[in-house]
Amino acid sequence: MKRIKQIIEPRQEIYFVNVGDSVRRVAQRMKQWNVRAVTVMDGERVAGIVSEWDFLTKVVADGRDPERTPVATIMTPDPMTTTPEATYAECLVTMLENDFQHLVVVTPEGELRGTVALGDLLKIDKRERDEVIRFYQAMFSSHR
C-alpha cells in the first residue's frame, strides 16, 4: 500500500506562507502555485492551514479587506497532521471522517514535508482498486 512519502517526495516544492501574510498575498501565492490550500507557518512551527473555502466564507462572505486581513485570522489553527510513513488509506479515512480535503504532512520531529489533497488520495485508491479487480478478473478468466 502506498505511503504518503511516495506521493509527496517527487514534488519539487514545499509550499507554505507565514502567519503575518495578508490574505491577498496568500491568495496570490496559491494562484501562482496552483494549489487550493497551503500550510501556514509561525517560524519553524506549523500554525495552521488555509484553503480557498476559508477565503470564500471568512473573507468574501464577511466583507473583510483581503489586504488588511492577516491569514492567521482565517486559517484553521493547529490542523490535524500525518507523517510521511502513513499509508494513503489511513489518511483517506482521517480526511473523510473529519470532513476536510487537505492534510499537512510533518516528520515526527515536526518538520514540514508538504500537504496531500483528498483528490490525490482518491485517485490512488481508485488505481489500487482497479488493480485488484484486474487481478481477480485475470485469475477467474484463466480458470474457465
N, C-alpha and C. Protein backbone atom coordinates (compact mmCIF):
# COMPACT_ATOMS: atom_id res chain seq x y z
N MET A 1 0.84 -1.18 0.00
CA MET A 1 0.00 0.00 0.00
C MET A 1 0.89 1.24 0.00
N LYS A 2 0.51 2.21 -0.79
CA LYS A 2 1.30 3.41 -0.96
C LYS A 2 1.38 4.24 0.32
N ARG A 3 2.56 4.72 0.60
CA ARG A 3 2.78 5.59 1.76
C ARG A 3 2.79 7.05 1.29
N ILE A 4 2.49 7.95 2.20
CA ILE A 4 2.41 9.37 1.87
C ILE A 4 3.74 9.89 1.32
N LYS A 5 4.85 9.39 1.83
CA LYS A 5 6.15 9.85 1.33
C LYS A 5 6.31 9.57 -0.16
N GLN A 6 5.70 8.52 -0.66
CA GLN A 6 5.78 8.20 -2.08
C GLN A 6 4.98 9.21 -2.92
N ILE A 7 4.01 9.83 -2.31
CA ILE A 7 3.20 10.83 -3.01
C ILE A 7 3.89 12.19 -3.00
N ILE A 8 4.45 12.58 -1.85
CA ILE A 8 4.97 13.93 -1.73
C ILE A 8 6.45 14.07 -2.12
N GLU A 9 7.24 13.00 -2.05
CA GLU A 9 8.67 13.12 -2.34
C GLU A 9 8.97 13.56 -3.77
N PRO A 10 8.20 13.13 -4.78
CA PRO A 10 8.51 13.59 -6.15
C PRO A 10 8.27 15.08 -6.38
N ARG A 11 7.53 15.72 -5.50
CA ARG A 11 7.24 17.15 -5.66
C ARG A 11 8.49 17.97 -5.42
N GLN A 12 8.67 18.98 -6.22
CA GLN A 12 9.87 19.81 -6.12
C GLN A 12 9.81 20.82 -4.97
N GLU A 13 8.63 21.33 -4.67
CA GLU A 13 8.48 22.42 -3.71
C GLU A 13 7.61 22.03 -2.53
N ILE A 14 7.89 22.65 -1.41
CA ILE A 14 7.01 22.57 -0.25
C ILE A 14 6.45 23.97 -0.08
N TYR A 15 5.15 24.11 -0.27
CA TYR A 15 4.52 25.42 -0.23
C TYR A 15 4.01 25.75 1.16
N PHE A 16 4.32 26.97 1.61
CA PHE A 16 3.81 27.46 2.88
C PHE A 16 3.83 28.98 2.86
N VAL A 17 3.05 29.56 3.76
CA VAL A 17 3.02 31.01 3.95
C VAL A 17 3.25 31.28 5.43
N ASN A 18 3.39 32.54 5.78
CA ASN A 18 3.66 32.92 7.16
C ASN A 18 2.41 33.51 7.82
N VAL A 19 2.31 33.36 9.13
CA VAL A 19 1.12 33.81 9.86
C VAL A 19 0.82 35.29 9.65
N GLY A 20 1.83 36.10 9.42
CA GLY A 20 1.62 37.53 9.26
C GLY A 20 1.27 37.97 7.85
N ASP A 21 1.29 37.04 6.88
CA ASP A 21 0.97 37.40 5.50
C ASP A 21 -0.50 37.80 5.38
N SER A 22 -0.76 38.75 4.48
CA SER A 22 -2.14 39.15 4.24
C SER A 22 -2.86 38.08 3.42
N VAL A 23 -4.18 38.07 3.54
CA VAL A 23 -4.99 37.14 2.76
C VAL A 23 -4.73 37.34 1.27
N ARG A 24 -4.62 38.61 0.83
CA ARG A 24 -4.34 38.87 -0.59
C ARG A 24 -3.02 38.23 -1.02
N ARG A 25 -2.00 38.40 -0.23
CA ARG A 25 -0.68 37.83 -0.55
C ARG A 25 -0.76 36.30 -0.63
N VAL A 26 -1.45 35.70 0.32
CA VAL A 26 -1.59 34.24 0.34
C VAL A 26 -2.37 33.77 -0.90
N ALA A 27 -3.45 34.46 -1.22
CA ALA A 27 -4.24 34.10 -2.40
C ALA A 27 -3.40 34.21 -3.67
N GLN A 28 -2.58 35.24 -3.75
CA GLN A 28 -1.70 35.39 -4.92
C GLN A 28 -0.69 34.25 -5.01
N ARG A 29 -0.14 33.87 -3.88
CA ARG A 29 0.82 32.76 -3.86
C ARG A 29 0.15 31.45 -4.26
N MET A 30 -1.05 31.21 -3.73
CA MET A 30 -1.78 29.98 -4.05
C MET A 30 -2.10 29.92 -5.55
N LYS A 31 -2.45 31.06 -6.12
CA LYS A 31 -2.72 31.11 -7.56
C LYS A 31 -1.43 30.79 -8.33
N GLN A 32 -0.34 31.40 -7.92
CA GLN A 32 0.96 31.16 -8.56
C GLN A 32 1.35 29.69 -8.48
N TRP A 33 1.12 29.07 -7.33
CA TRP A 33 1.50 27.68 -7.12
C TRP A 33 0.44 26.69 -7.62
N ASN A 34 -0.74 27.20 -7.97
CA ASN A 34 -1.85 26.37 -8.44
C ASN A 34 -2.25 25.33 -7.39
N VAL A 35 -2.46 25.81 -6.15
CA VAL A 35 -2.89 24.95 -5.06
C VAL A 35 -4.16 25.51 -4.44
N ARG A 36 -4.92 24.65 -3.81
CA ARG A 36 -6.19 25.06 -3.21
C ARG A 36 -6.11 25.27 -1.70
N ALA A 37 -5.00 24.85 -1.12
CA ALA A 37 -4.78 25.04 0.32
C ALA A 37 -3.28 25.13 0.55
N VAL A 38 -2.91 25.80 1.64
CA VAL A 38 -1.49 25.95 1.93
C VAL A 38 -1.30 25.97 3.45
N THR A 39 -0.17 25.43 3.88
CA THR A 39 0.20 25.40 5.29
C THR A 39 0.63 26.80 5.72
N VAL A 40 0.23 27.19 6.92
CA VAL A 40 0.62 28.48 7.50
C VAL A 40 1.63 28.19 8.60
N MET A 41 2.79 28.84 8.49
CA MET A 41 3.87 28.60 9.44
C MET A 41 4.07 29.80 10.36
N ASP A 42 4.47 29.51 11.58
CA ASP A 42 4.89 30.52 12.54
C ASP A 42 6.34 30.17 12.87
N GLY A 43 7.25 30.75 12.12
CA GLY A 43 8.65 30.34 12.24
C GLY A 43 8.82 28.94 11.70
N GLU A 44 9.30 28.04 12.54
CA GLU A 44 9.50 26.64 12.16
C GLU A 44 8.31 25.76 12.52
N ARG A 45 7.27 26.34 13.12
CA ARG A 45 6.13 25.57 13.63
C ARG A 45 4.93 25.69 12.69
N VAL A 46 4.27 24.57 12.45
CA VAL A 46 3.02 24.58 11.69
C VAL A 46 1.97 25.22 12.58
N ALA A 47 1.45 26.37 12.11
CA ALA A 47 0.45 27.11 12.88
C ALA A 47 -0.96 26.80 12.42
N GLY A 48 -1.10 26.49 11.12
CA GLY A 48 -2.44 26.25 10.61
C GLY A 48 -2.44 25.88 9.14
N ILE A 49 -3.63 25.83 8.59
CA ILE A 49 -3.81 25.58 7.17
C ILE A 49 -4.94 26.50 6.71
N VAL A 50 -4.81 26.99 5.49
CA VAL A 50 -5.84 27.87 4.94
C VAL A 50 -6.19 27.36 3.54
N SER A 51 -7.47 27.41 3.23
CA SER A 51 -7.94 26.91 1.94
C SER A 51 -8.78 27.96 1.24
N GLU A 52 -9.07 27.68 -0.01
CA GLU A 52 -9.92 28.59 -0.77
C GLU A 52 -11.29 28.72 -0.11
N TRP A 53 -11.76 27.69 0.58
CA TRP A 53 -13.04 27.75 1.29
C TRP A 53 -12.98 28.81 2.39
N ASP A 54 -11.82 28.90 3.08
CA ASP A 54 -11.65 29.93 4.11
C ASP A 54 -11.75 31.32 3.51
N PHE A 55 -11.17 31.52 2.33
CA PHE A 55 -11.25 32.83 1.67
C PHE A 55 -12.69 33.19 1.35
N LEU A 56 -13.42 32.21 0.85
CA LEU A 56 -14.81 32.44 0.46
C LEU A 56 -15.69 32.75 1.67
N THR A 57 -15.60 31.90 2.69
CA THR A 57 -16.53 32.02 3.82
C THR A 57 -16.10 33.03 4.88
N LYS A 58 -14.81 33.28 5.03
CA LYS A 58 -14.35 34.15 6.11
C LYS A 58 -13.85 35.51 5.64
N VAL A 59 -13.69 35.68 4.32
CA VAL A 59 -13.23 36.97 3.81
C VAL A 59 -14.31 37.56 2.89
N VAL A 60 -14.59 36.89 1.80
CA VAL A 60 -15.56 37.41 0.84
C VAL A 60 -16.95 37.54 1.46
N ALA A 61 -17.45 36.45 2.05
CA ALA A 61 -18.80 36.48 2.61
C ALA A 61 -18.94 37.47 3.77
N ASP A 62 -17.85 37.67 4.52
CA ASP A 62 -17.89 38.59 5.66
C ASP A 62 -17.50 40.02 5.28
N GLY A 63 -17.13 40.24 4.02
CA GLY A 63 -16.78 41.59 3.57
C GLY A 63 -15.47 42.13 4.14
N ARG A 64 -14.55 41.26 4.47
CA ARG A 64 -13.25 41.70 5.01
C ARG A 64 -12.35 42.19 3.88
N ASP A 65 -11.44 43.06 4.23
CA ASP A 65 -10.45 43.58 3.29
C ASP A 65 -9.29 42.58 3.21
N PRO A 66 -9.08 41.92 2.06
CA PRO A 66 -8.02 40.91 1.96
C PRO A 66 -6.61 41.48 2.14
N GLU A 67 -6.46 42.77 1.89
CA GLU A 67 -5.13 43.39 2.05
C GLU A 67 -4.80 43.60 3.53
N ARG A 68 -5.83 43.82 4.32
CA ARG A 68 -5.62 44.13 5.74
C ARG A 68 -5.92 42.97 6.67
N THR A 69 -6.37 41.87 6.12
CA THR A 69 -6.71 40.71 6.96
C THR A 69 -5.53 39.75 6.98
N PRO A 70 -4.94 39.52 8.15
CA PRO A 70 -3.85 38.55 8.23
C PRO A 70 -4.40 37.13 8.07
N VAL A 71 -3.66 36.30 7.39
CA VAL A 71 -4.10 34.93 7.15
C VAL A 71 -4.32 34.19 8.47
N ALA A 72 -3.59 34.58 9.51
CA ALA A 72 -3.74 33.92 10.82
C ALA A 72 -5.16 34.04 11.36
N THR A 73 -5.90 35.07 10.95
CA THR A 73 -7.25 35.26 11.49
C THR A 73 -8.29 34.39 10.78
N ILE A 74 -7.94 33.80 9.64
CA ILE A 74 -8.92 32.97 8.93
C ILE A 74 -8.49 31.51 8.78
N MET A 75 -7.26 31.20 9.14
CA MET A 75 -6.76 29.83 8.98
C MET A 75 -7.42 28.90 9.99
N THR A 76 -7.32 27.61 9.72
CA THR A 76 -7.68 26.60 10.71
C THR A 76 -6.42 26.37 11.55
N PRO A 77 -6.46 26.76 12.82
CA PRO A 77 -5.24 26.62 13.64
C PRO A 77 -4.99 25.17 14.04
N ASP A 78 -3.72 24.87 14.27
CA ASP A 78 -3.30 23.54 14.74
C ASP A 78 -4.02 22.41 14.00
N PRO A 79 -3.81 22.34 12.69
CA PRO A 79 -4.52 21.33 11.91
C PRO A 79 -4.05 19.91 12.22
N MET A 80 -4.91 18.96 11.92
CA MET A 80 -4.50 17.57 12.03
C MET A 80 -3.36 17.35 11.04
N THR A 81 -2.44 16.51 11.41
CA THR A 81 -1.29 16.23 10.54
C THR A 81 -1.13 14.73 10.37
N THR A 82 -0.27 14.38 9.44
CA THR A 82 0.12 12.99 9.25
C THR A 82 1.62 12.96 9.04
N THR A 83 2.18 11.76 9.04
CA THR A 83 3.62 11.61 8.82
C THR A 83 3.86 11.03 7.43
N PRO A 84 5.07 11.18 6.92
CA PRO A 84 5.38 10.59 5.61
C PRO A 84 5.21 9.07 5.59
N GLU A 85 5.29 8.41 6.72
CA GLU A 85 5.18 6.95 6.79
C GLU A 85 3.74 6.44 6.78
N ALA A 86 2.78 7.31 6.98
CA ALA A 86 1.38 6.89 7.00
C ALA A 86 0.98 6.36 5.62
N THR A 87 0.02 5.46 5.60
CA THR A 87 -0.47 4.95 4.32
C THR A 87 -1.51 5.92 3.76
N TYR A 88 -1.69 5.84 2.45
CA TYR A 88 -2.70 6.71 1.84
C TYR A 88 -4.08 6.38 2.40
N ALA A 89 -4.34 5.09 2.69
CA ALA A 89 -5.66 4.68 3.19
C ALA A 89 -5.92 5.26 4.58
N GLU A 90 -4.92 5.28 5.44
CA GLU A 90 -5.08 5.89 6.77
C GLU A 90 -5.46 7.36 6.64
N CYS A 91 -4.77 8.05 5.76
CA CYS A 91 -5.03 9.48 5.56
C CYS A 91 -6.40 9.70 4.92
N LEU A 92 -6.76 8.86 4.00
CA LEU A 92 -8.06 8.96 3.34
C LEU A 92 -9.19 8.83 4.37
N VAL A 93 -9.08 7.85 5.25
CA VAL A 93 -10.08 7.65 6.30
C VAL A 93 -10.13 8.87 7.23
N THR A 94 -8.98 9.36 7.64
CA THR A 94 -8.91 10.54 8.52
C THR A 94 -9.61 11.73 7.88
N MET A 95 -9.33 11.96 6.60
CA MET A 95 -9.92 13.11 5.91
C MET A 95 -11.43 12.95 5.74
N LEU A 96 -11.87 11.77 5.38
CA LEU A 96 -13.30 11.55 5.19
C LEU A 96 -14.07 11.62 6.51
N GLU A 97 -13.50 11.04 7.56
CA GLU A 97 -14.17 11.05 8.86
C GLU A 97 -14.25 12.45 9.47
N ASN A 98 -13.27 13.30 9.14
CA ASN A 98 -13.22 14.64 9.72
C ASN A 98 -13.66 15.74 8.76
N ASP A 99 -14.07 15.35 7.56
CA ASP A 99 -14.63 16.26 6.57
C ASP A 99 -13.71 17.42 6.21
N PHE A 100 -12.46 17.08 5.83
CA PHE A 100 -11.59 18.10 5.27
C PHE A 100 -10.86 17.53 4.07
N GLN A 101 -10.30 18.42 3.25
CA GLN A 101 -9.77 17.99 1.96
C GLN A 101 -8.26 18.10 1.82
N HIS A 102 -7.58 18.60 2.83
CA HIS A 102 -6.12 18.73 2.77
C HIS A 102 -5.54 18.35 4.12
N LEU A 103 -4.42 17.65 4.08
CA LEU A 103 -3.77 17.17 5.29
C LEU A 103 -2.30 17.57 5.25
N VAL A 104 -1.84 18.20 6.32
CA VAL A 104 -0.45 18.64 6.42
C VAL A 104 0.42 17.43 6.79
N VAL A 105 1.56 17.32 6.11
CA VAL A 105 2.48 16.20 6.35
C VAL A 105 3.72 16.75 7.07
N VAL A 106 4.00 16.19 8.25
CA VAL A 106 5.17 16.59 9.03
C VAL A 106 5.92 15.35 9.50
N THR A 107 7.22 15.51 9.70
CA THR A 107 8.01 14.42 10.26
C THR A 107 7.68 14.29 11.75
N PRO A 108 8.08 13.18 12.38
CA PRO A 108 7.86 13.05 13.83
C PRO A 108 8.52 14.19 14.63
N GLU A 109 9.53 14.82 14.05
CA GLU A 109 10.20 15.94 14.71
C GLU A 109 9.48 17.27 14.45
N GLY A 110 8.43 17.25 13.65
CA GLY A 110 7.65 18.46 13.38
C GLY A 110 8.06 19.24 12.15
N GLU A 111 8.94 18.68 11.32
CA GLU A 111 9.40 19.38 10.11
C GLU A 111 8.37 19.22 8.99
N LEU A 112 7.98 20.35 8.40
CA LEU A 112 7.00 20.35 7.32
C LEU A 112 7.55 19.61 6.09
N ARG A 113 6.73 18.70 5.55
CA ARG A 113 7.09 17.96 4.34
C ARG A 113 6.15 18.24 3.17
N GLY A 114 5.01 18.90 3.45
CA GLY A 114 4.09 19.22 2.38
C GLY A 114 2.65 18.99 2.80
N THR A 115 1.79 18.88 1.81
CA THR A 115 0.38 18.58 2.05
C THR A 115 -0.09 17.54 1.05
N VAL A 116 -1.12 16.82 1.42
CA VAL A 116 -1.78 15.91 0.48
C VAL A 116 -3.25 16.31 0.40
N ALA A 117 -3.79 16.17 -0.78
CA ALA A 117 -5.18 16.53 -1.02
C ALA A 117 -6.04 15.28 -1.12
N LEU A 118 -7.28 15.42 -0.74
CA LEU A 118 -8.23 14.32 -0.82
C LEU A 118 -8.30 13.76 -2.24
N GLY A 119 -8.31 14.64 -3.22
CA GLY A 119 -8.36 14.19 -4.62
C GLY A 119 -7.20 13.30 -4.99
N ASP A 120 -5.99 13.63 -4.50
CA ASP A 120 -4.81 12.79 -4.76
C ASP A 120 -5.02 11.39 -4.20
N LEU A 121 -5.54 11.33 -2.99
CA LEU A 121 -5.72 10.04 -2.33
C LEU A 121 -6.83 9.23 -2.98
N LEU A 122 -7.89 9.89 -3.43
CA LEU A 122 -8.97 9.18 -4.10
C LEU A 122 -8.50 8.59 -5.43
N LYS A 123 -7.62 9.30 -6.15
CA LYS A 123 -7.07 8.77 -7.42
C LYS A 123 -6.24 7.52 -7.15
N ILE A 124 -5.42 7.56 -6.11
CA ILE A 124 -4.60 6.40 -5.76
C ILE A 124 -5.49 5.24 -5.35
N ASP A 125 -6.51 5.52 -4.57
CA ASP A 125 -7.44 4.48 -4.12
C ASP A 125 -8.11 3.81 -5.32
N LYS A 126 -8.54 4.61 -6.28
CA LYS A 126 -9.18 4.05 -7.47
C LYS A 126 -8.20 3.16 -8.25
N ARG A 127 -6.96 3.63 -8.43
CA ARG A 127 -5.96 2.83 -9.13
C ARG A 127 -5.71 1.51 -8.43
N GLU A 128 -5.58 1.56 -7.12
CA GLU A 128 -5.31 0.32 -6.37
C GLU A 128 -6.50 -0.64 -6.46
N ARG A 129 -7.70 -0.13 -6.39
CA ARG A 129 -8.90 -0.98 -6.51
C ARG A 129 -9.00 -1.56 -7.93
N ASP A 130 -8.68 -0.75 -8.94
CA ASP A 130 -8.69 -1.24 -10.32
C ASP A 130 -7.70 -2.38 -10.51
N GLU A 131 -6.52 -2.27 -9.87
CA GLU A 131 -5.52 -3.34 -9.97
C GLU A 131 -6.04 -4.63 -9.35
N VAL A 132 -6.71 -4.53 -8.22
CA VAL A 132 -7.27 -5.72 -7.56
C VAL A 132 -8.33 -6.35 -8.46
N ILE A 133 -9.17 -5.53 -9.05
CA ILE A 133 -10.22 -6.06 -9.94
C ILE A 133 -9.59 -6.76 -11.14
N ARG A 134 -8.57 -6.16 -11.74
CA ARG A 134 -7.89 -6.78 -12.88
C ARG A 134 -7.25 -8.12 -12.48
N PHE A 135 -6.66 -8.16 -11.30
CA PHE A 135 -6.05 -9.39 -10.81
C PHE A 135 -7.09 -10.50 -10.71
N TYR A 136 -8.21 -10.21 -10.07
CA TYR A 136 -9.25 -11.24 -9.92
C TYR A 136 -9.89 -11.60 -11.25
N GLN A 137 -10.06 -10.63 -12.14
CA GLN A 137 -10.60 -10.96 -13.45
C GLN A 137 -9.66 -11.90 -14.20
N ALA A 138 -8.37 -11.62 -14.13
CA ALA A 138 -7.41 -12.47 -14.81
C ALA A 138 -7.38 -13.87 -14.18
N MET A 139 -7.44 -13.91 -12.86
CA MET A 139 -7.41 -15.19 -12.17
C MET A 139 -8.64 -16.04 -12.51
N PHE A 140 -9.79 -15.43 -12.49
CA PHE A 140 -11.02 -16.20 -12.75
C PHE A 140 -11.18 -16.52 -14.23
N SER A 141 -10.72 -15.64 -15.12
CA SER A 141 -10.88 -15.92 -16.54
C SER A 141 -9.93 -17.02 -16.99
N SER A 142 -8.82 -17.24 -16.30
CA SER A 142 -7.90 -18.31 -16.69
C SER A 142 -8.36 -19.68 -16.17
N HIS A 143 -9.35 -19.71 -15.29
CA HIS A 143 -9.86 -20.96 -14.74
C HIS A 143 -11.13 -21.44 -15.43
N ARG A 144 -11.44 -20.88 -16.55
CA ARG A 144 -12.68 -21.28 -17.24
C ARG A 144 -12.42 -22.38 -18.21
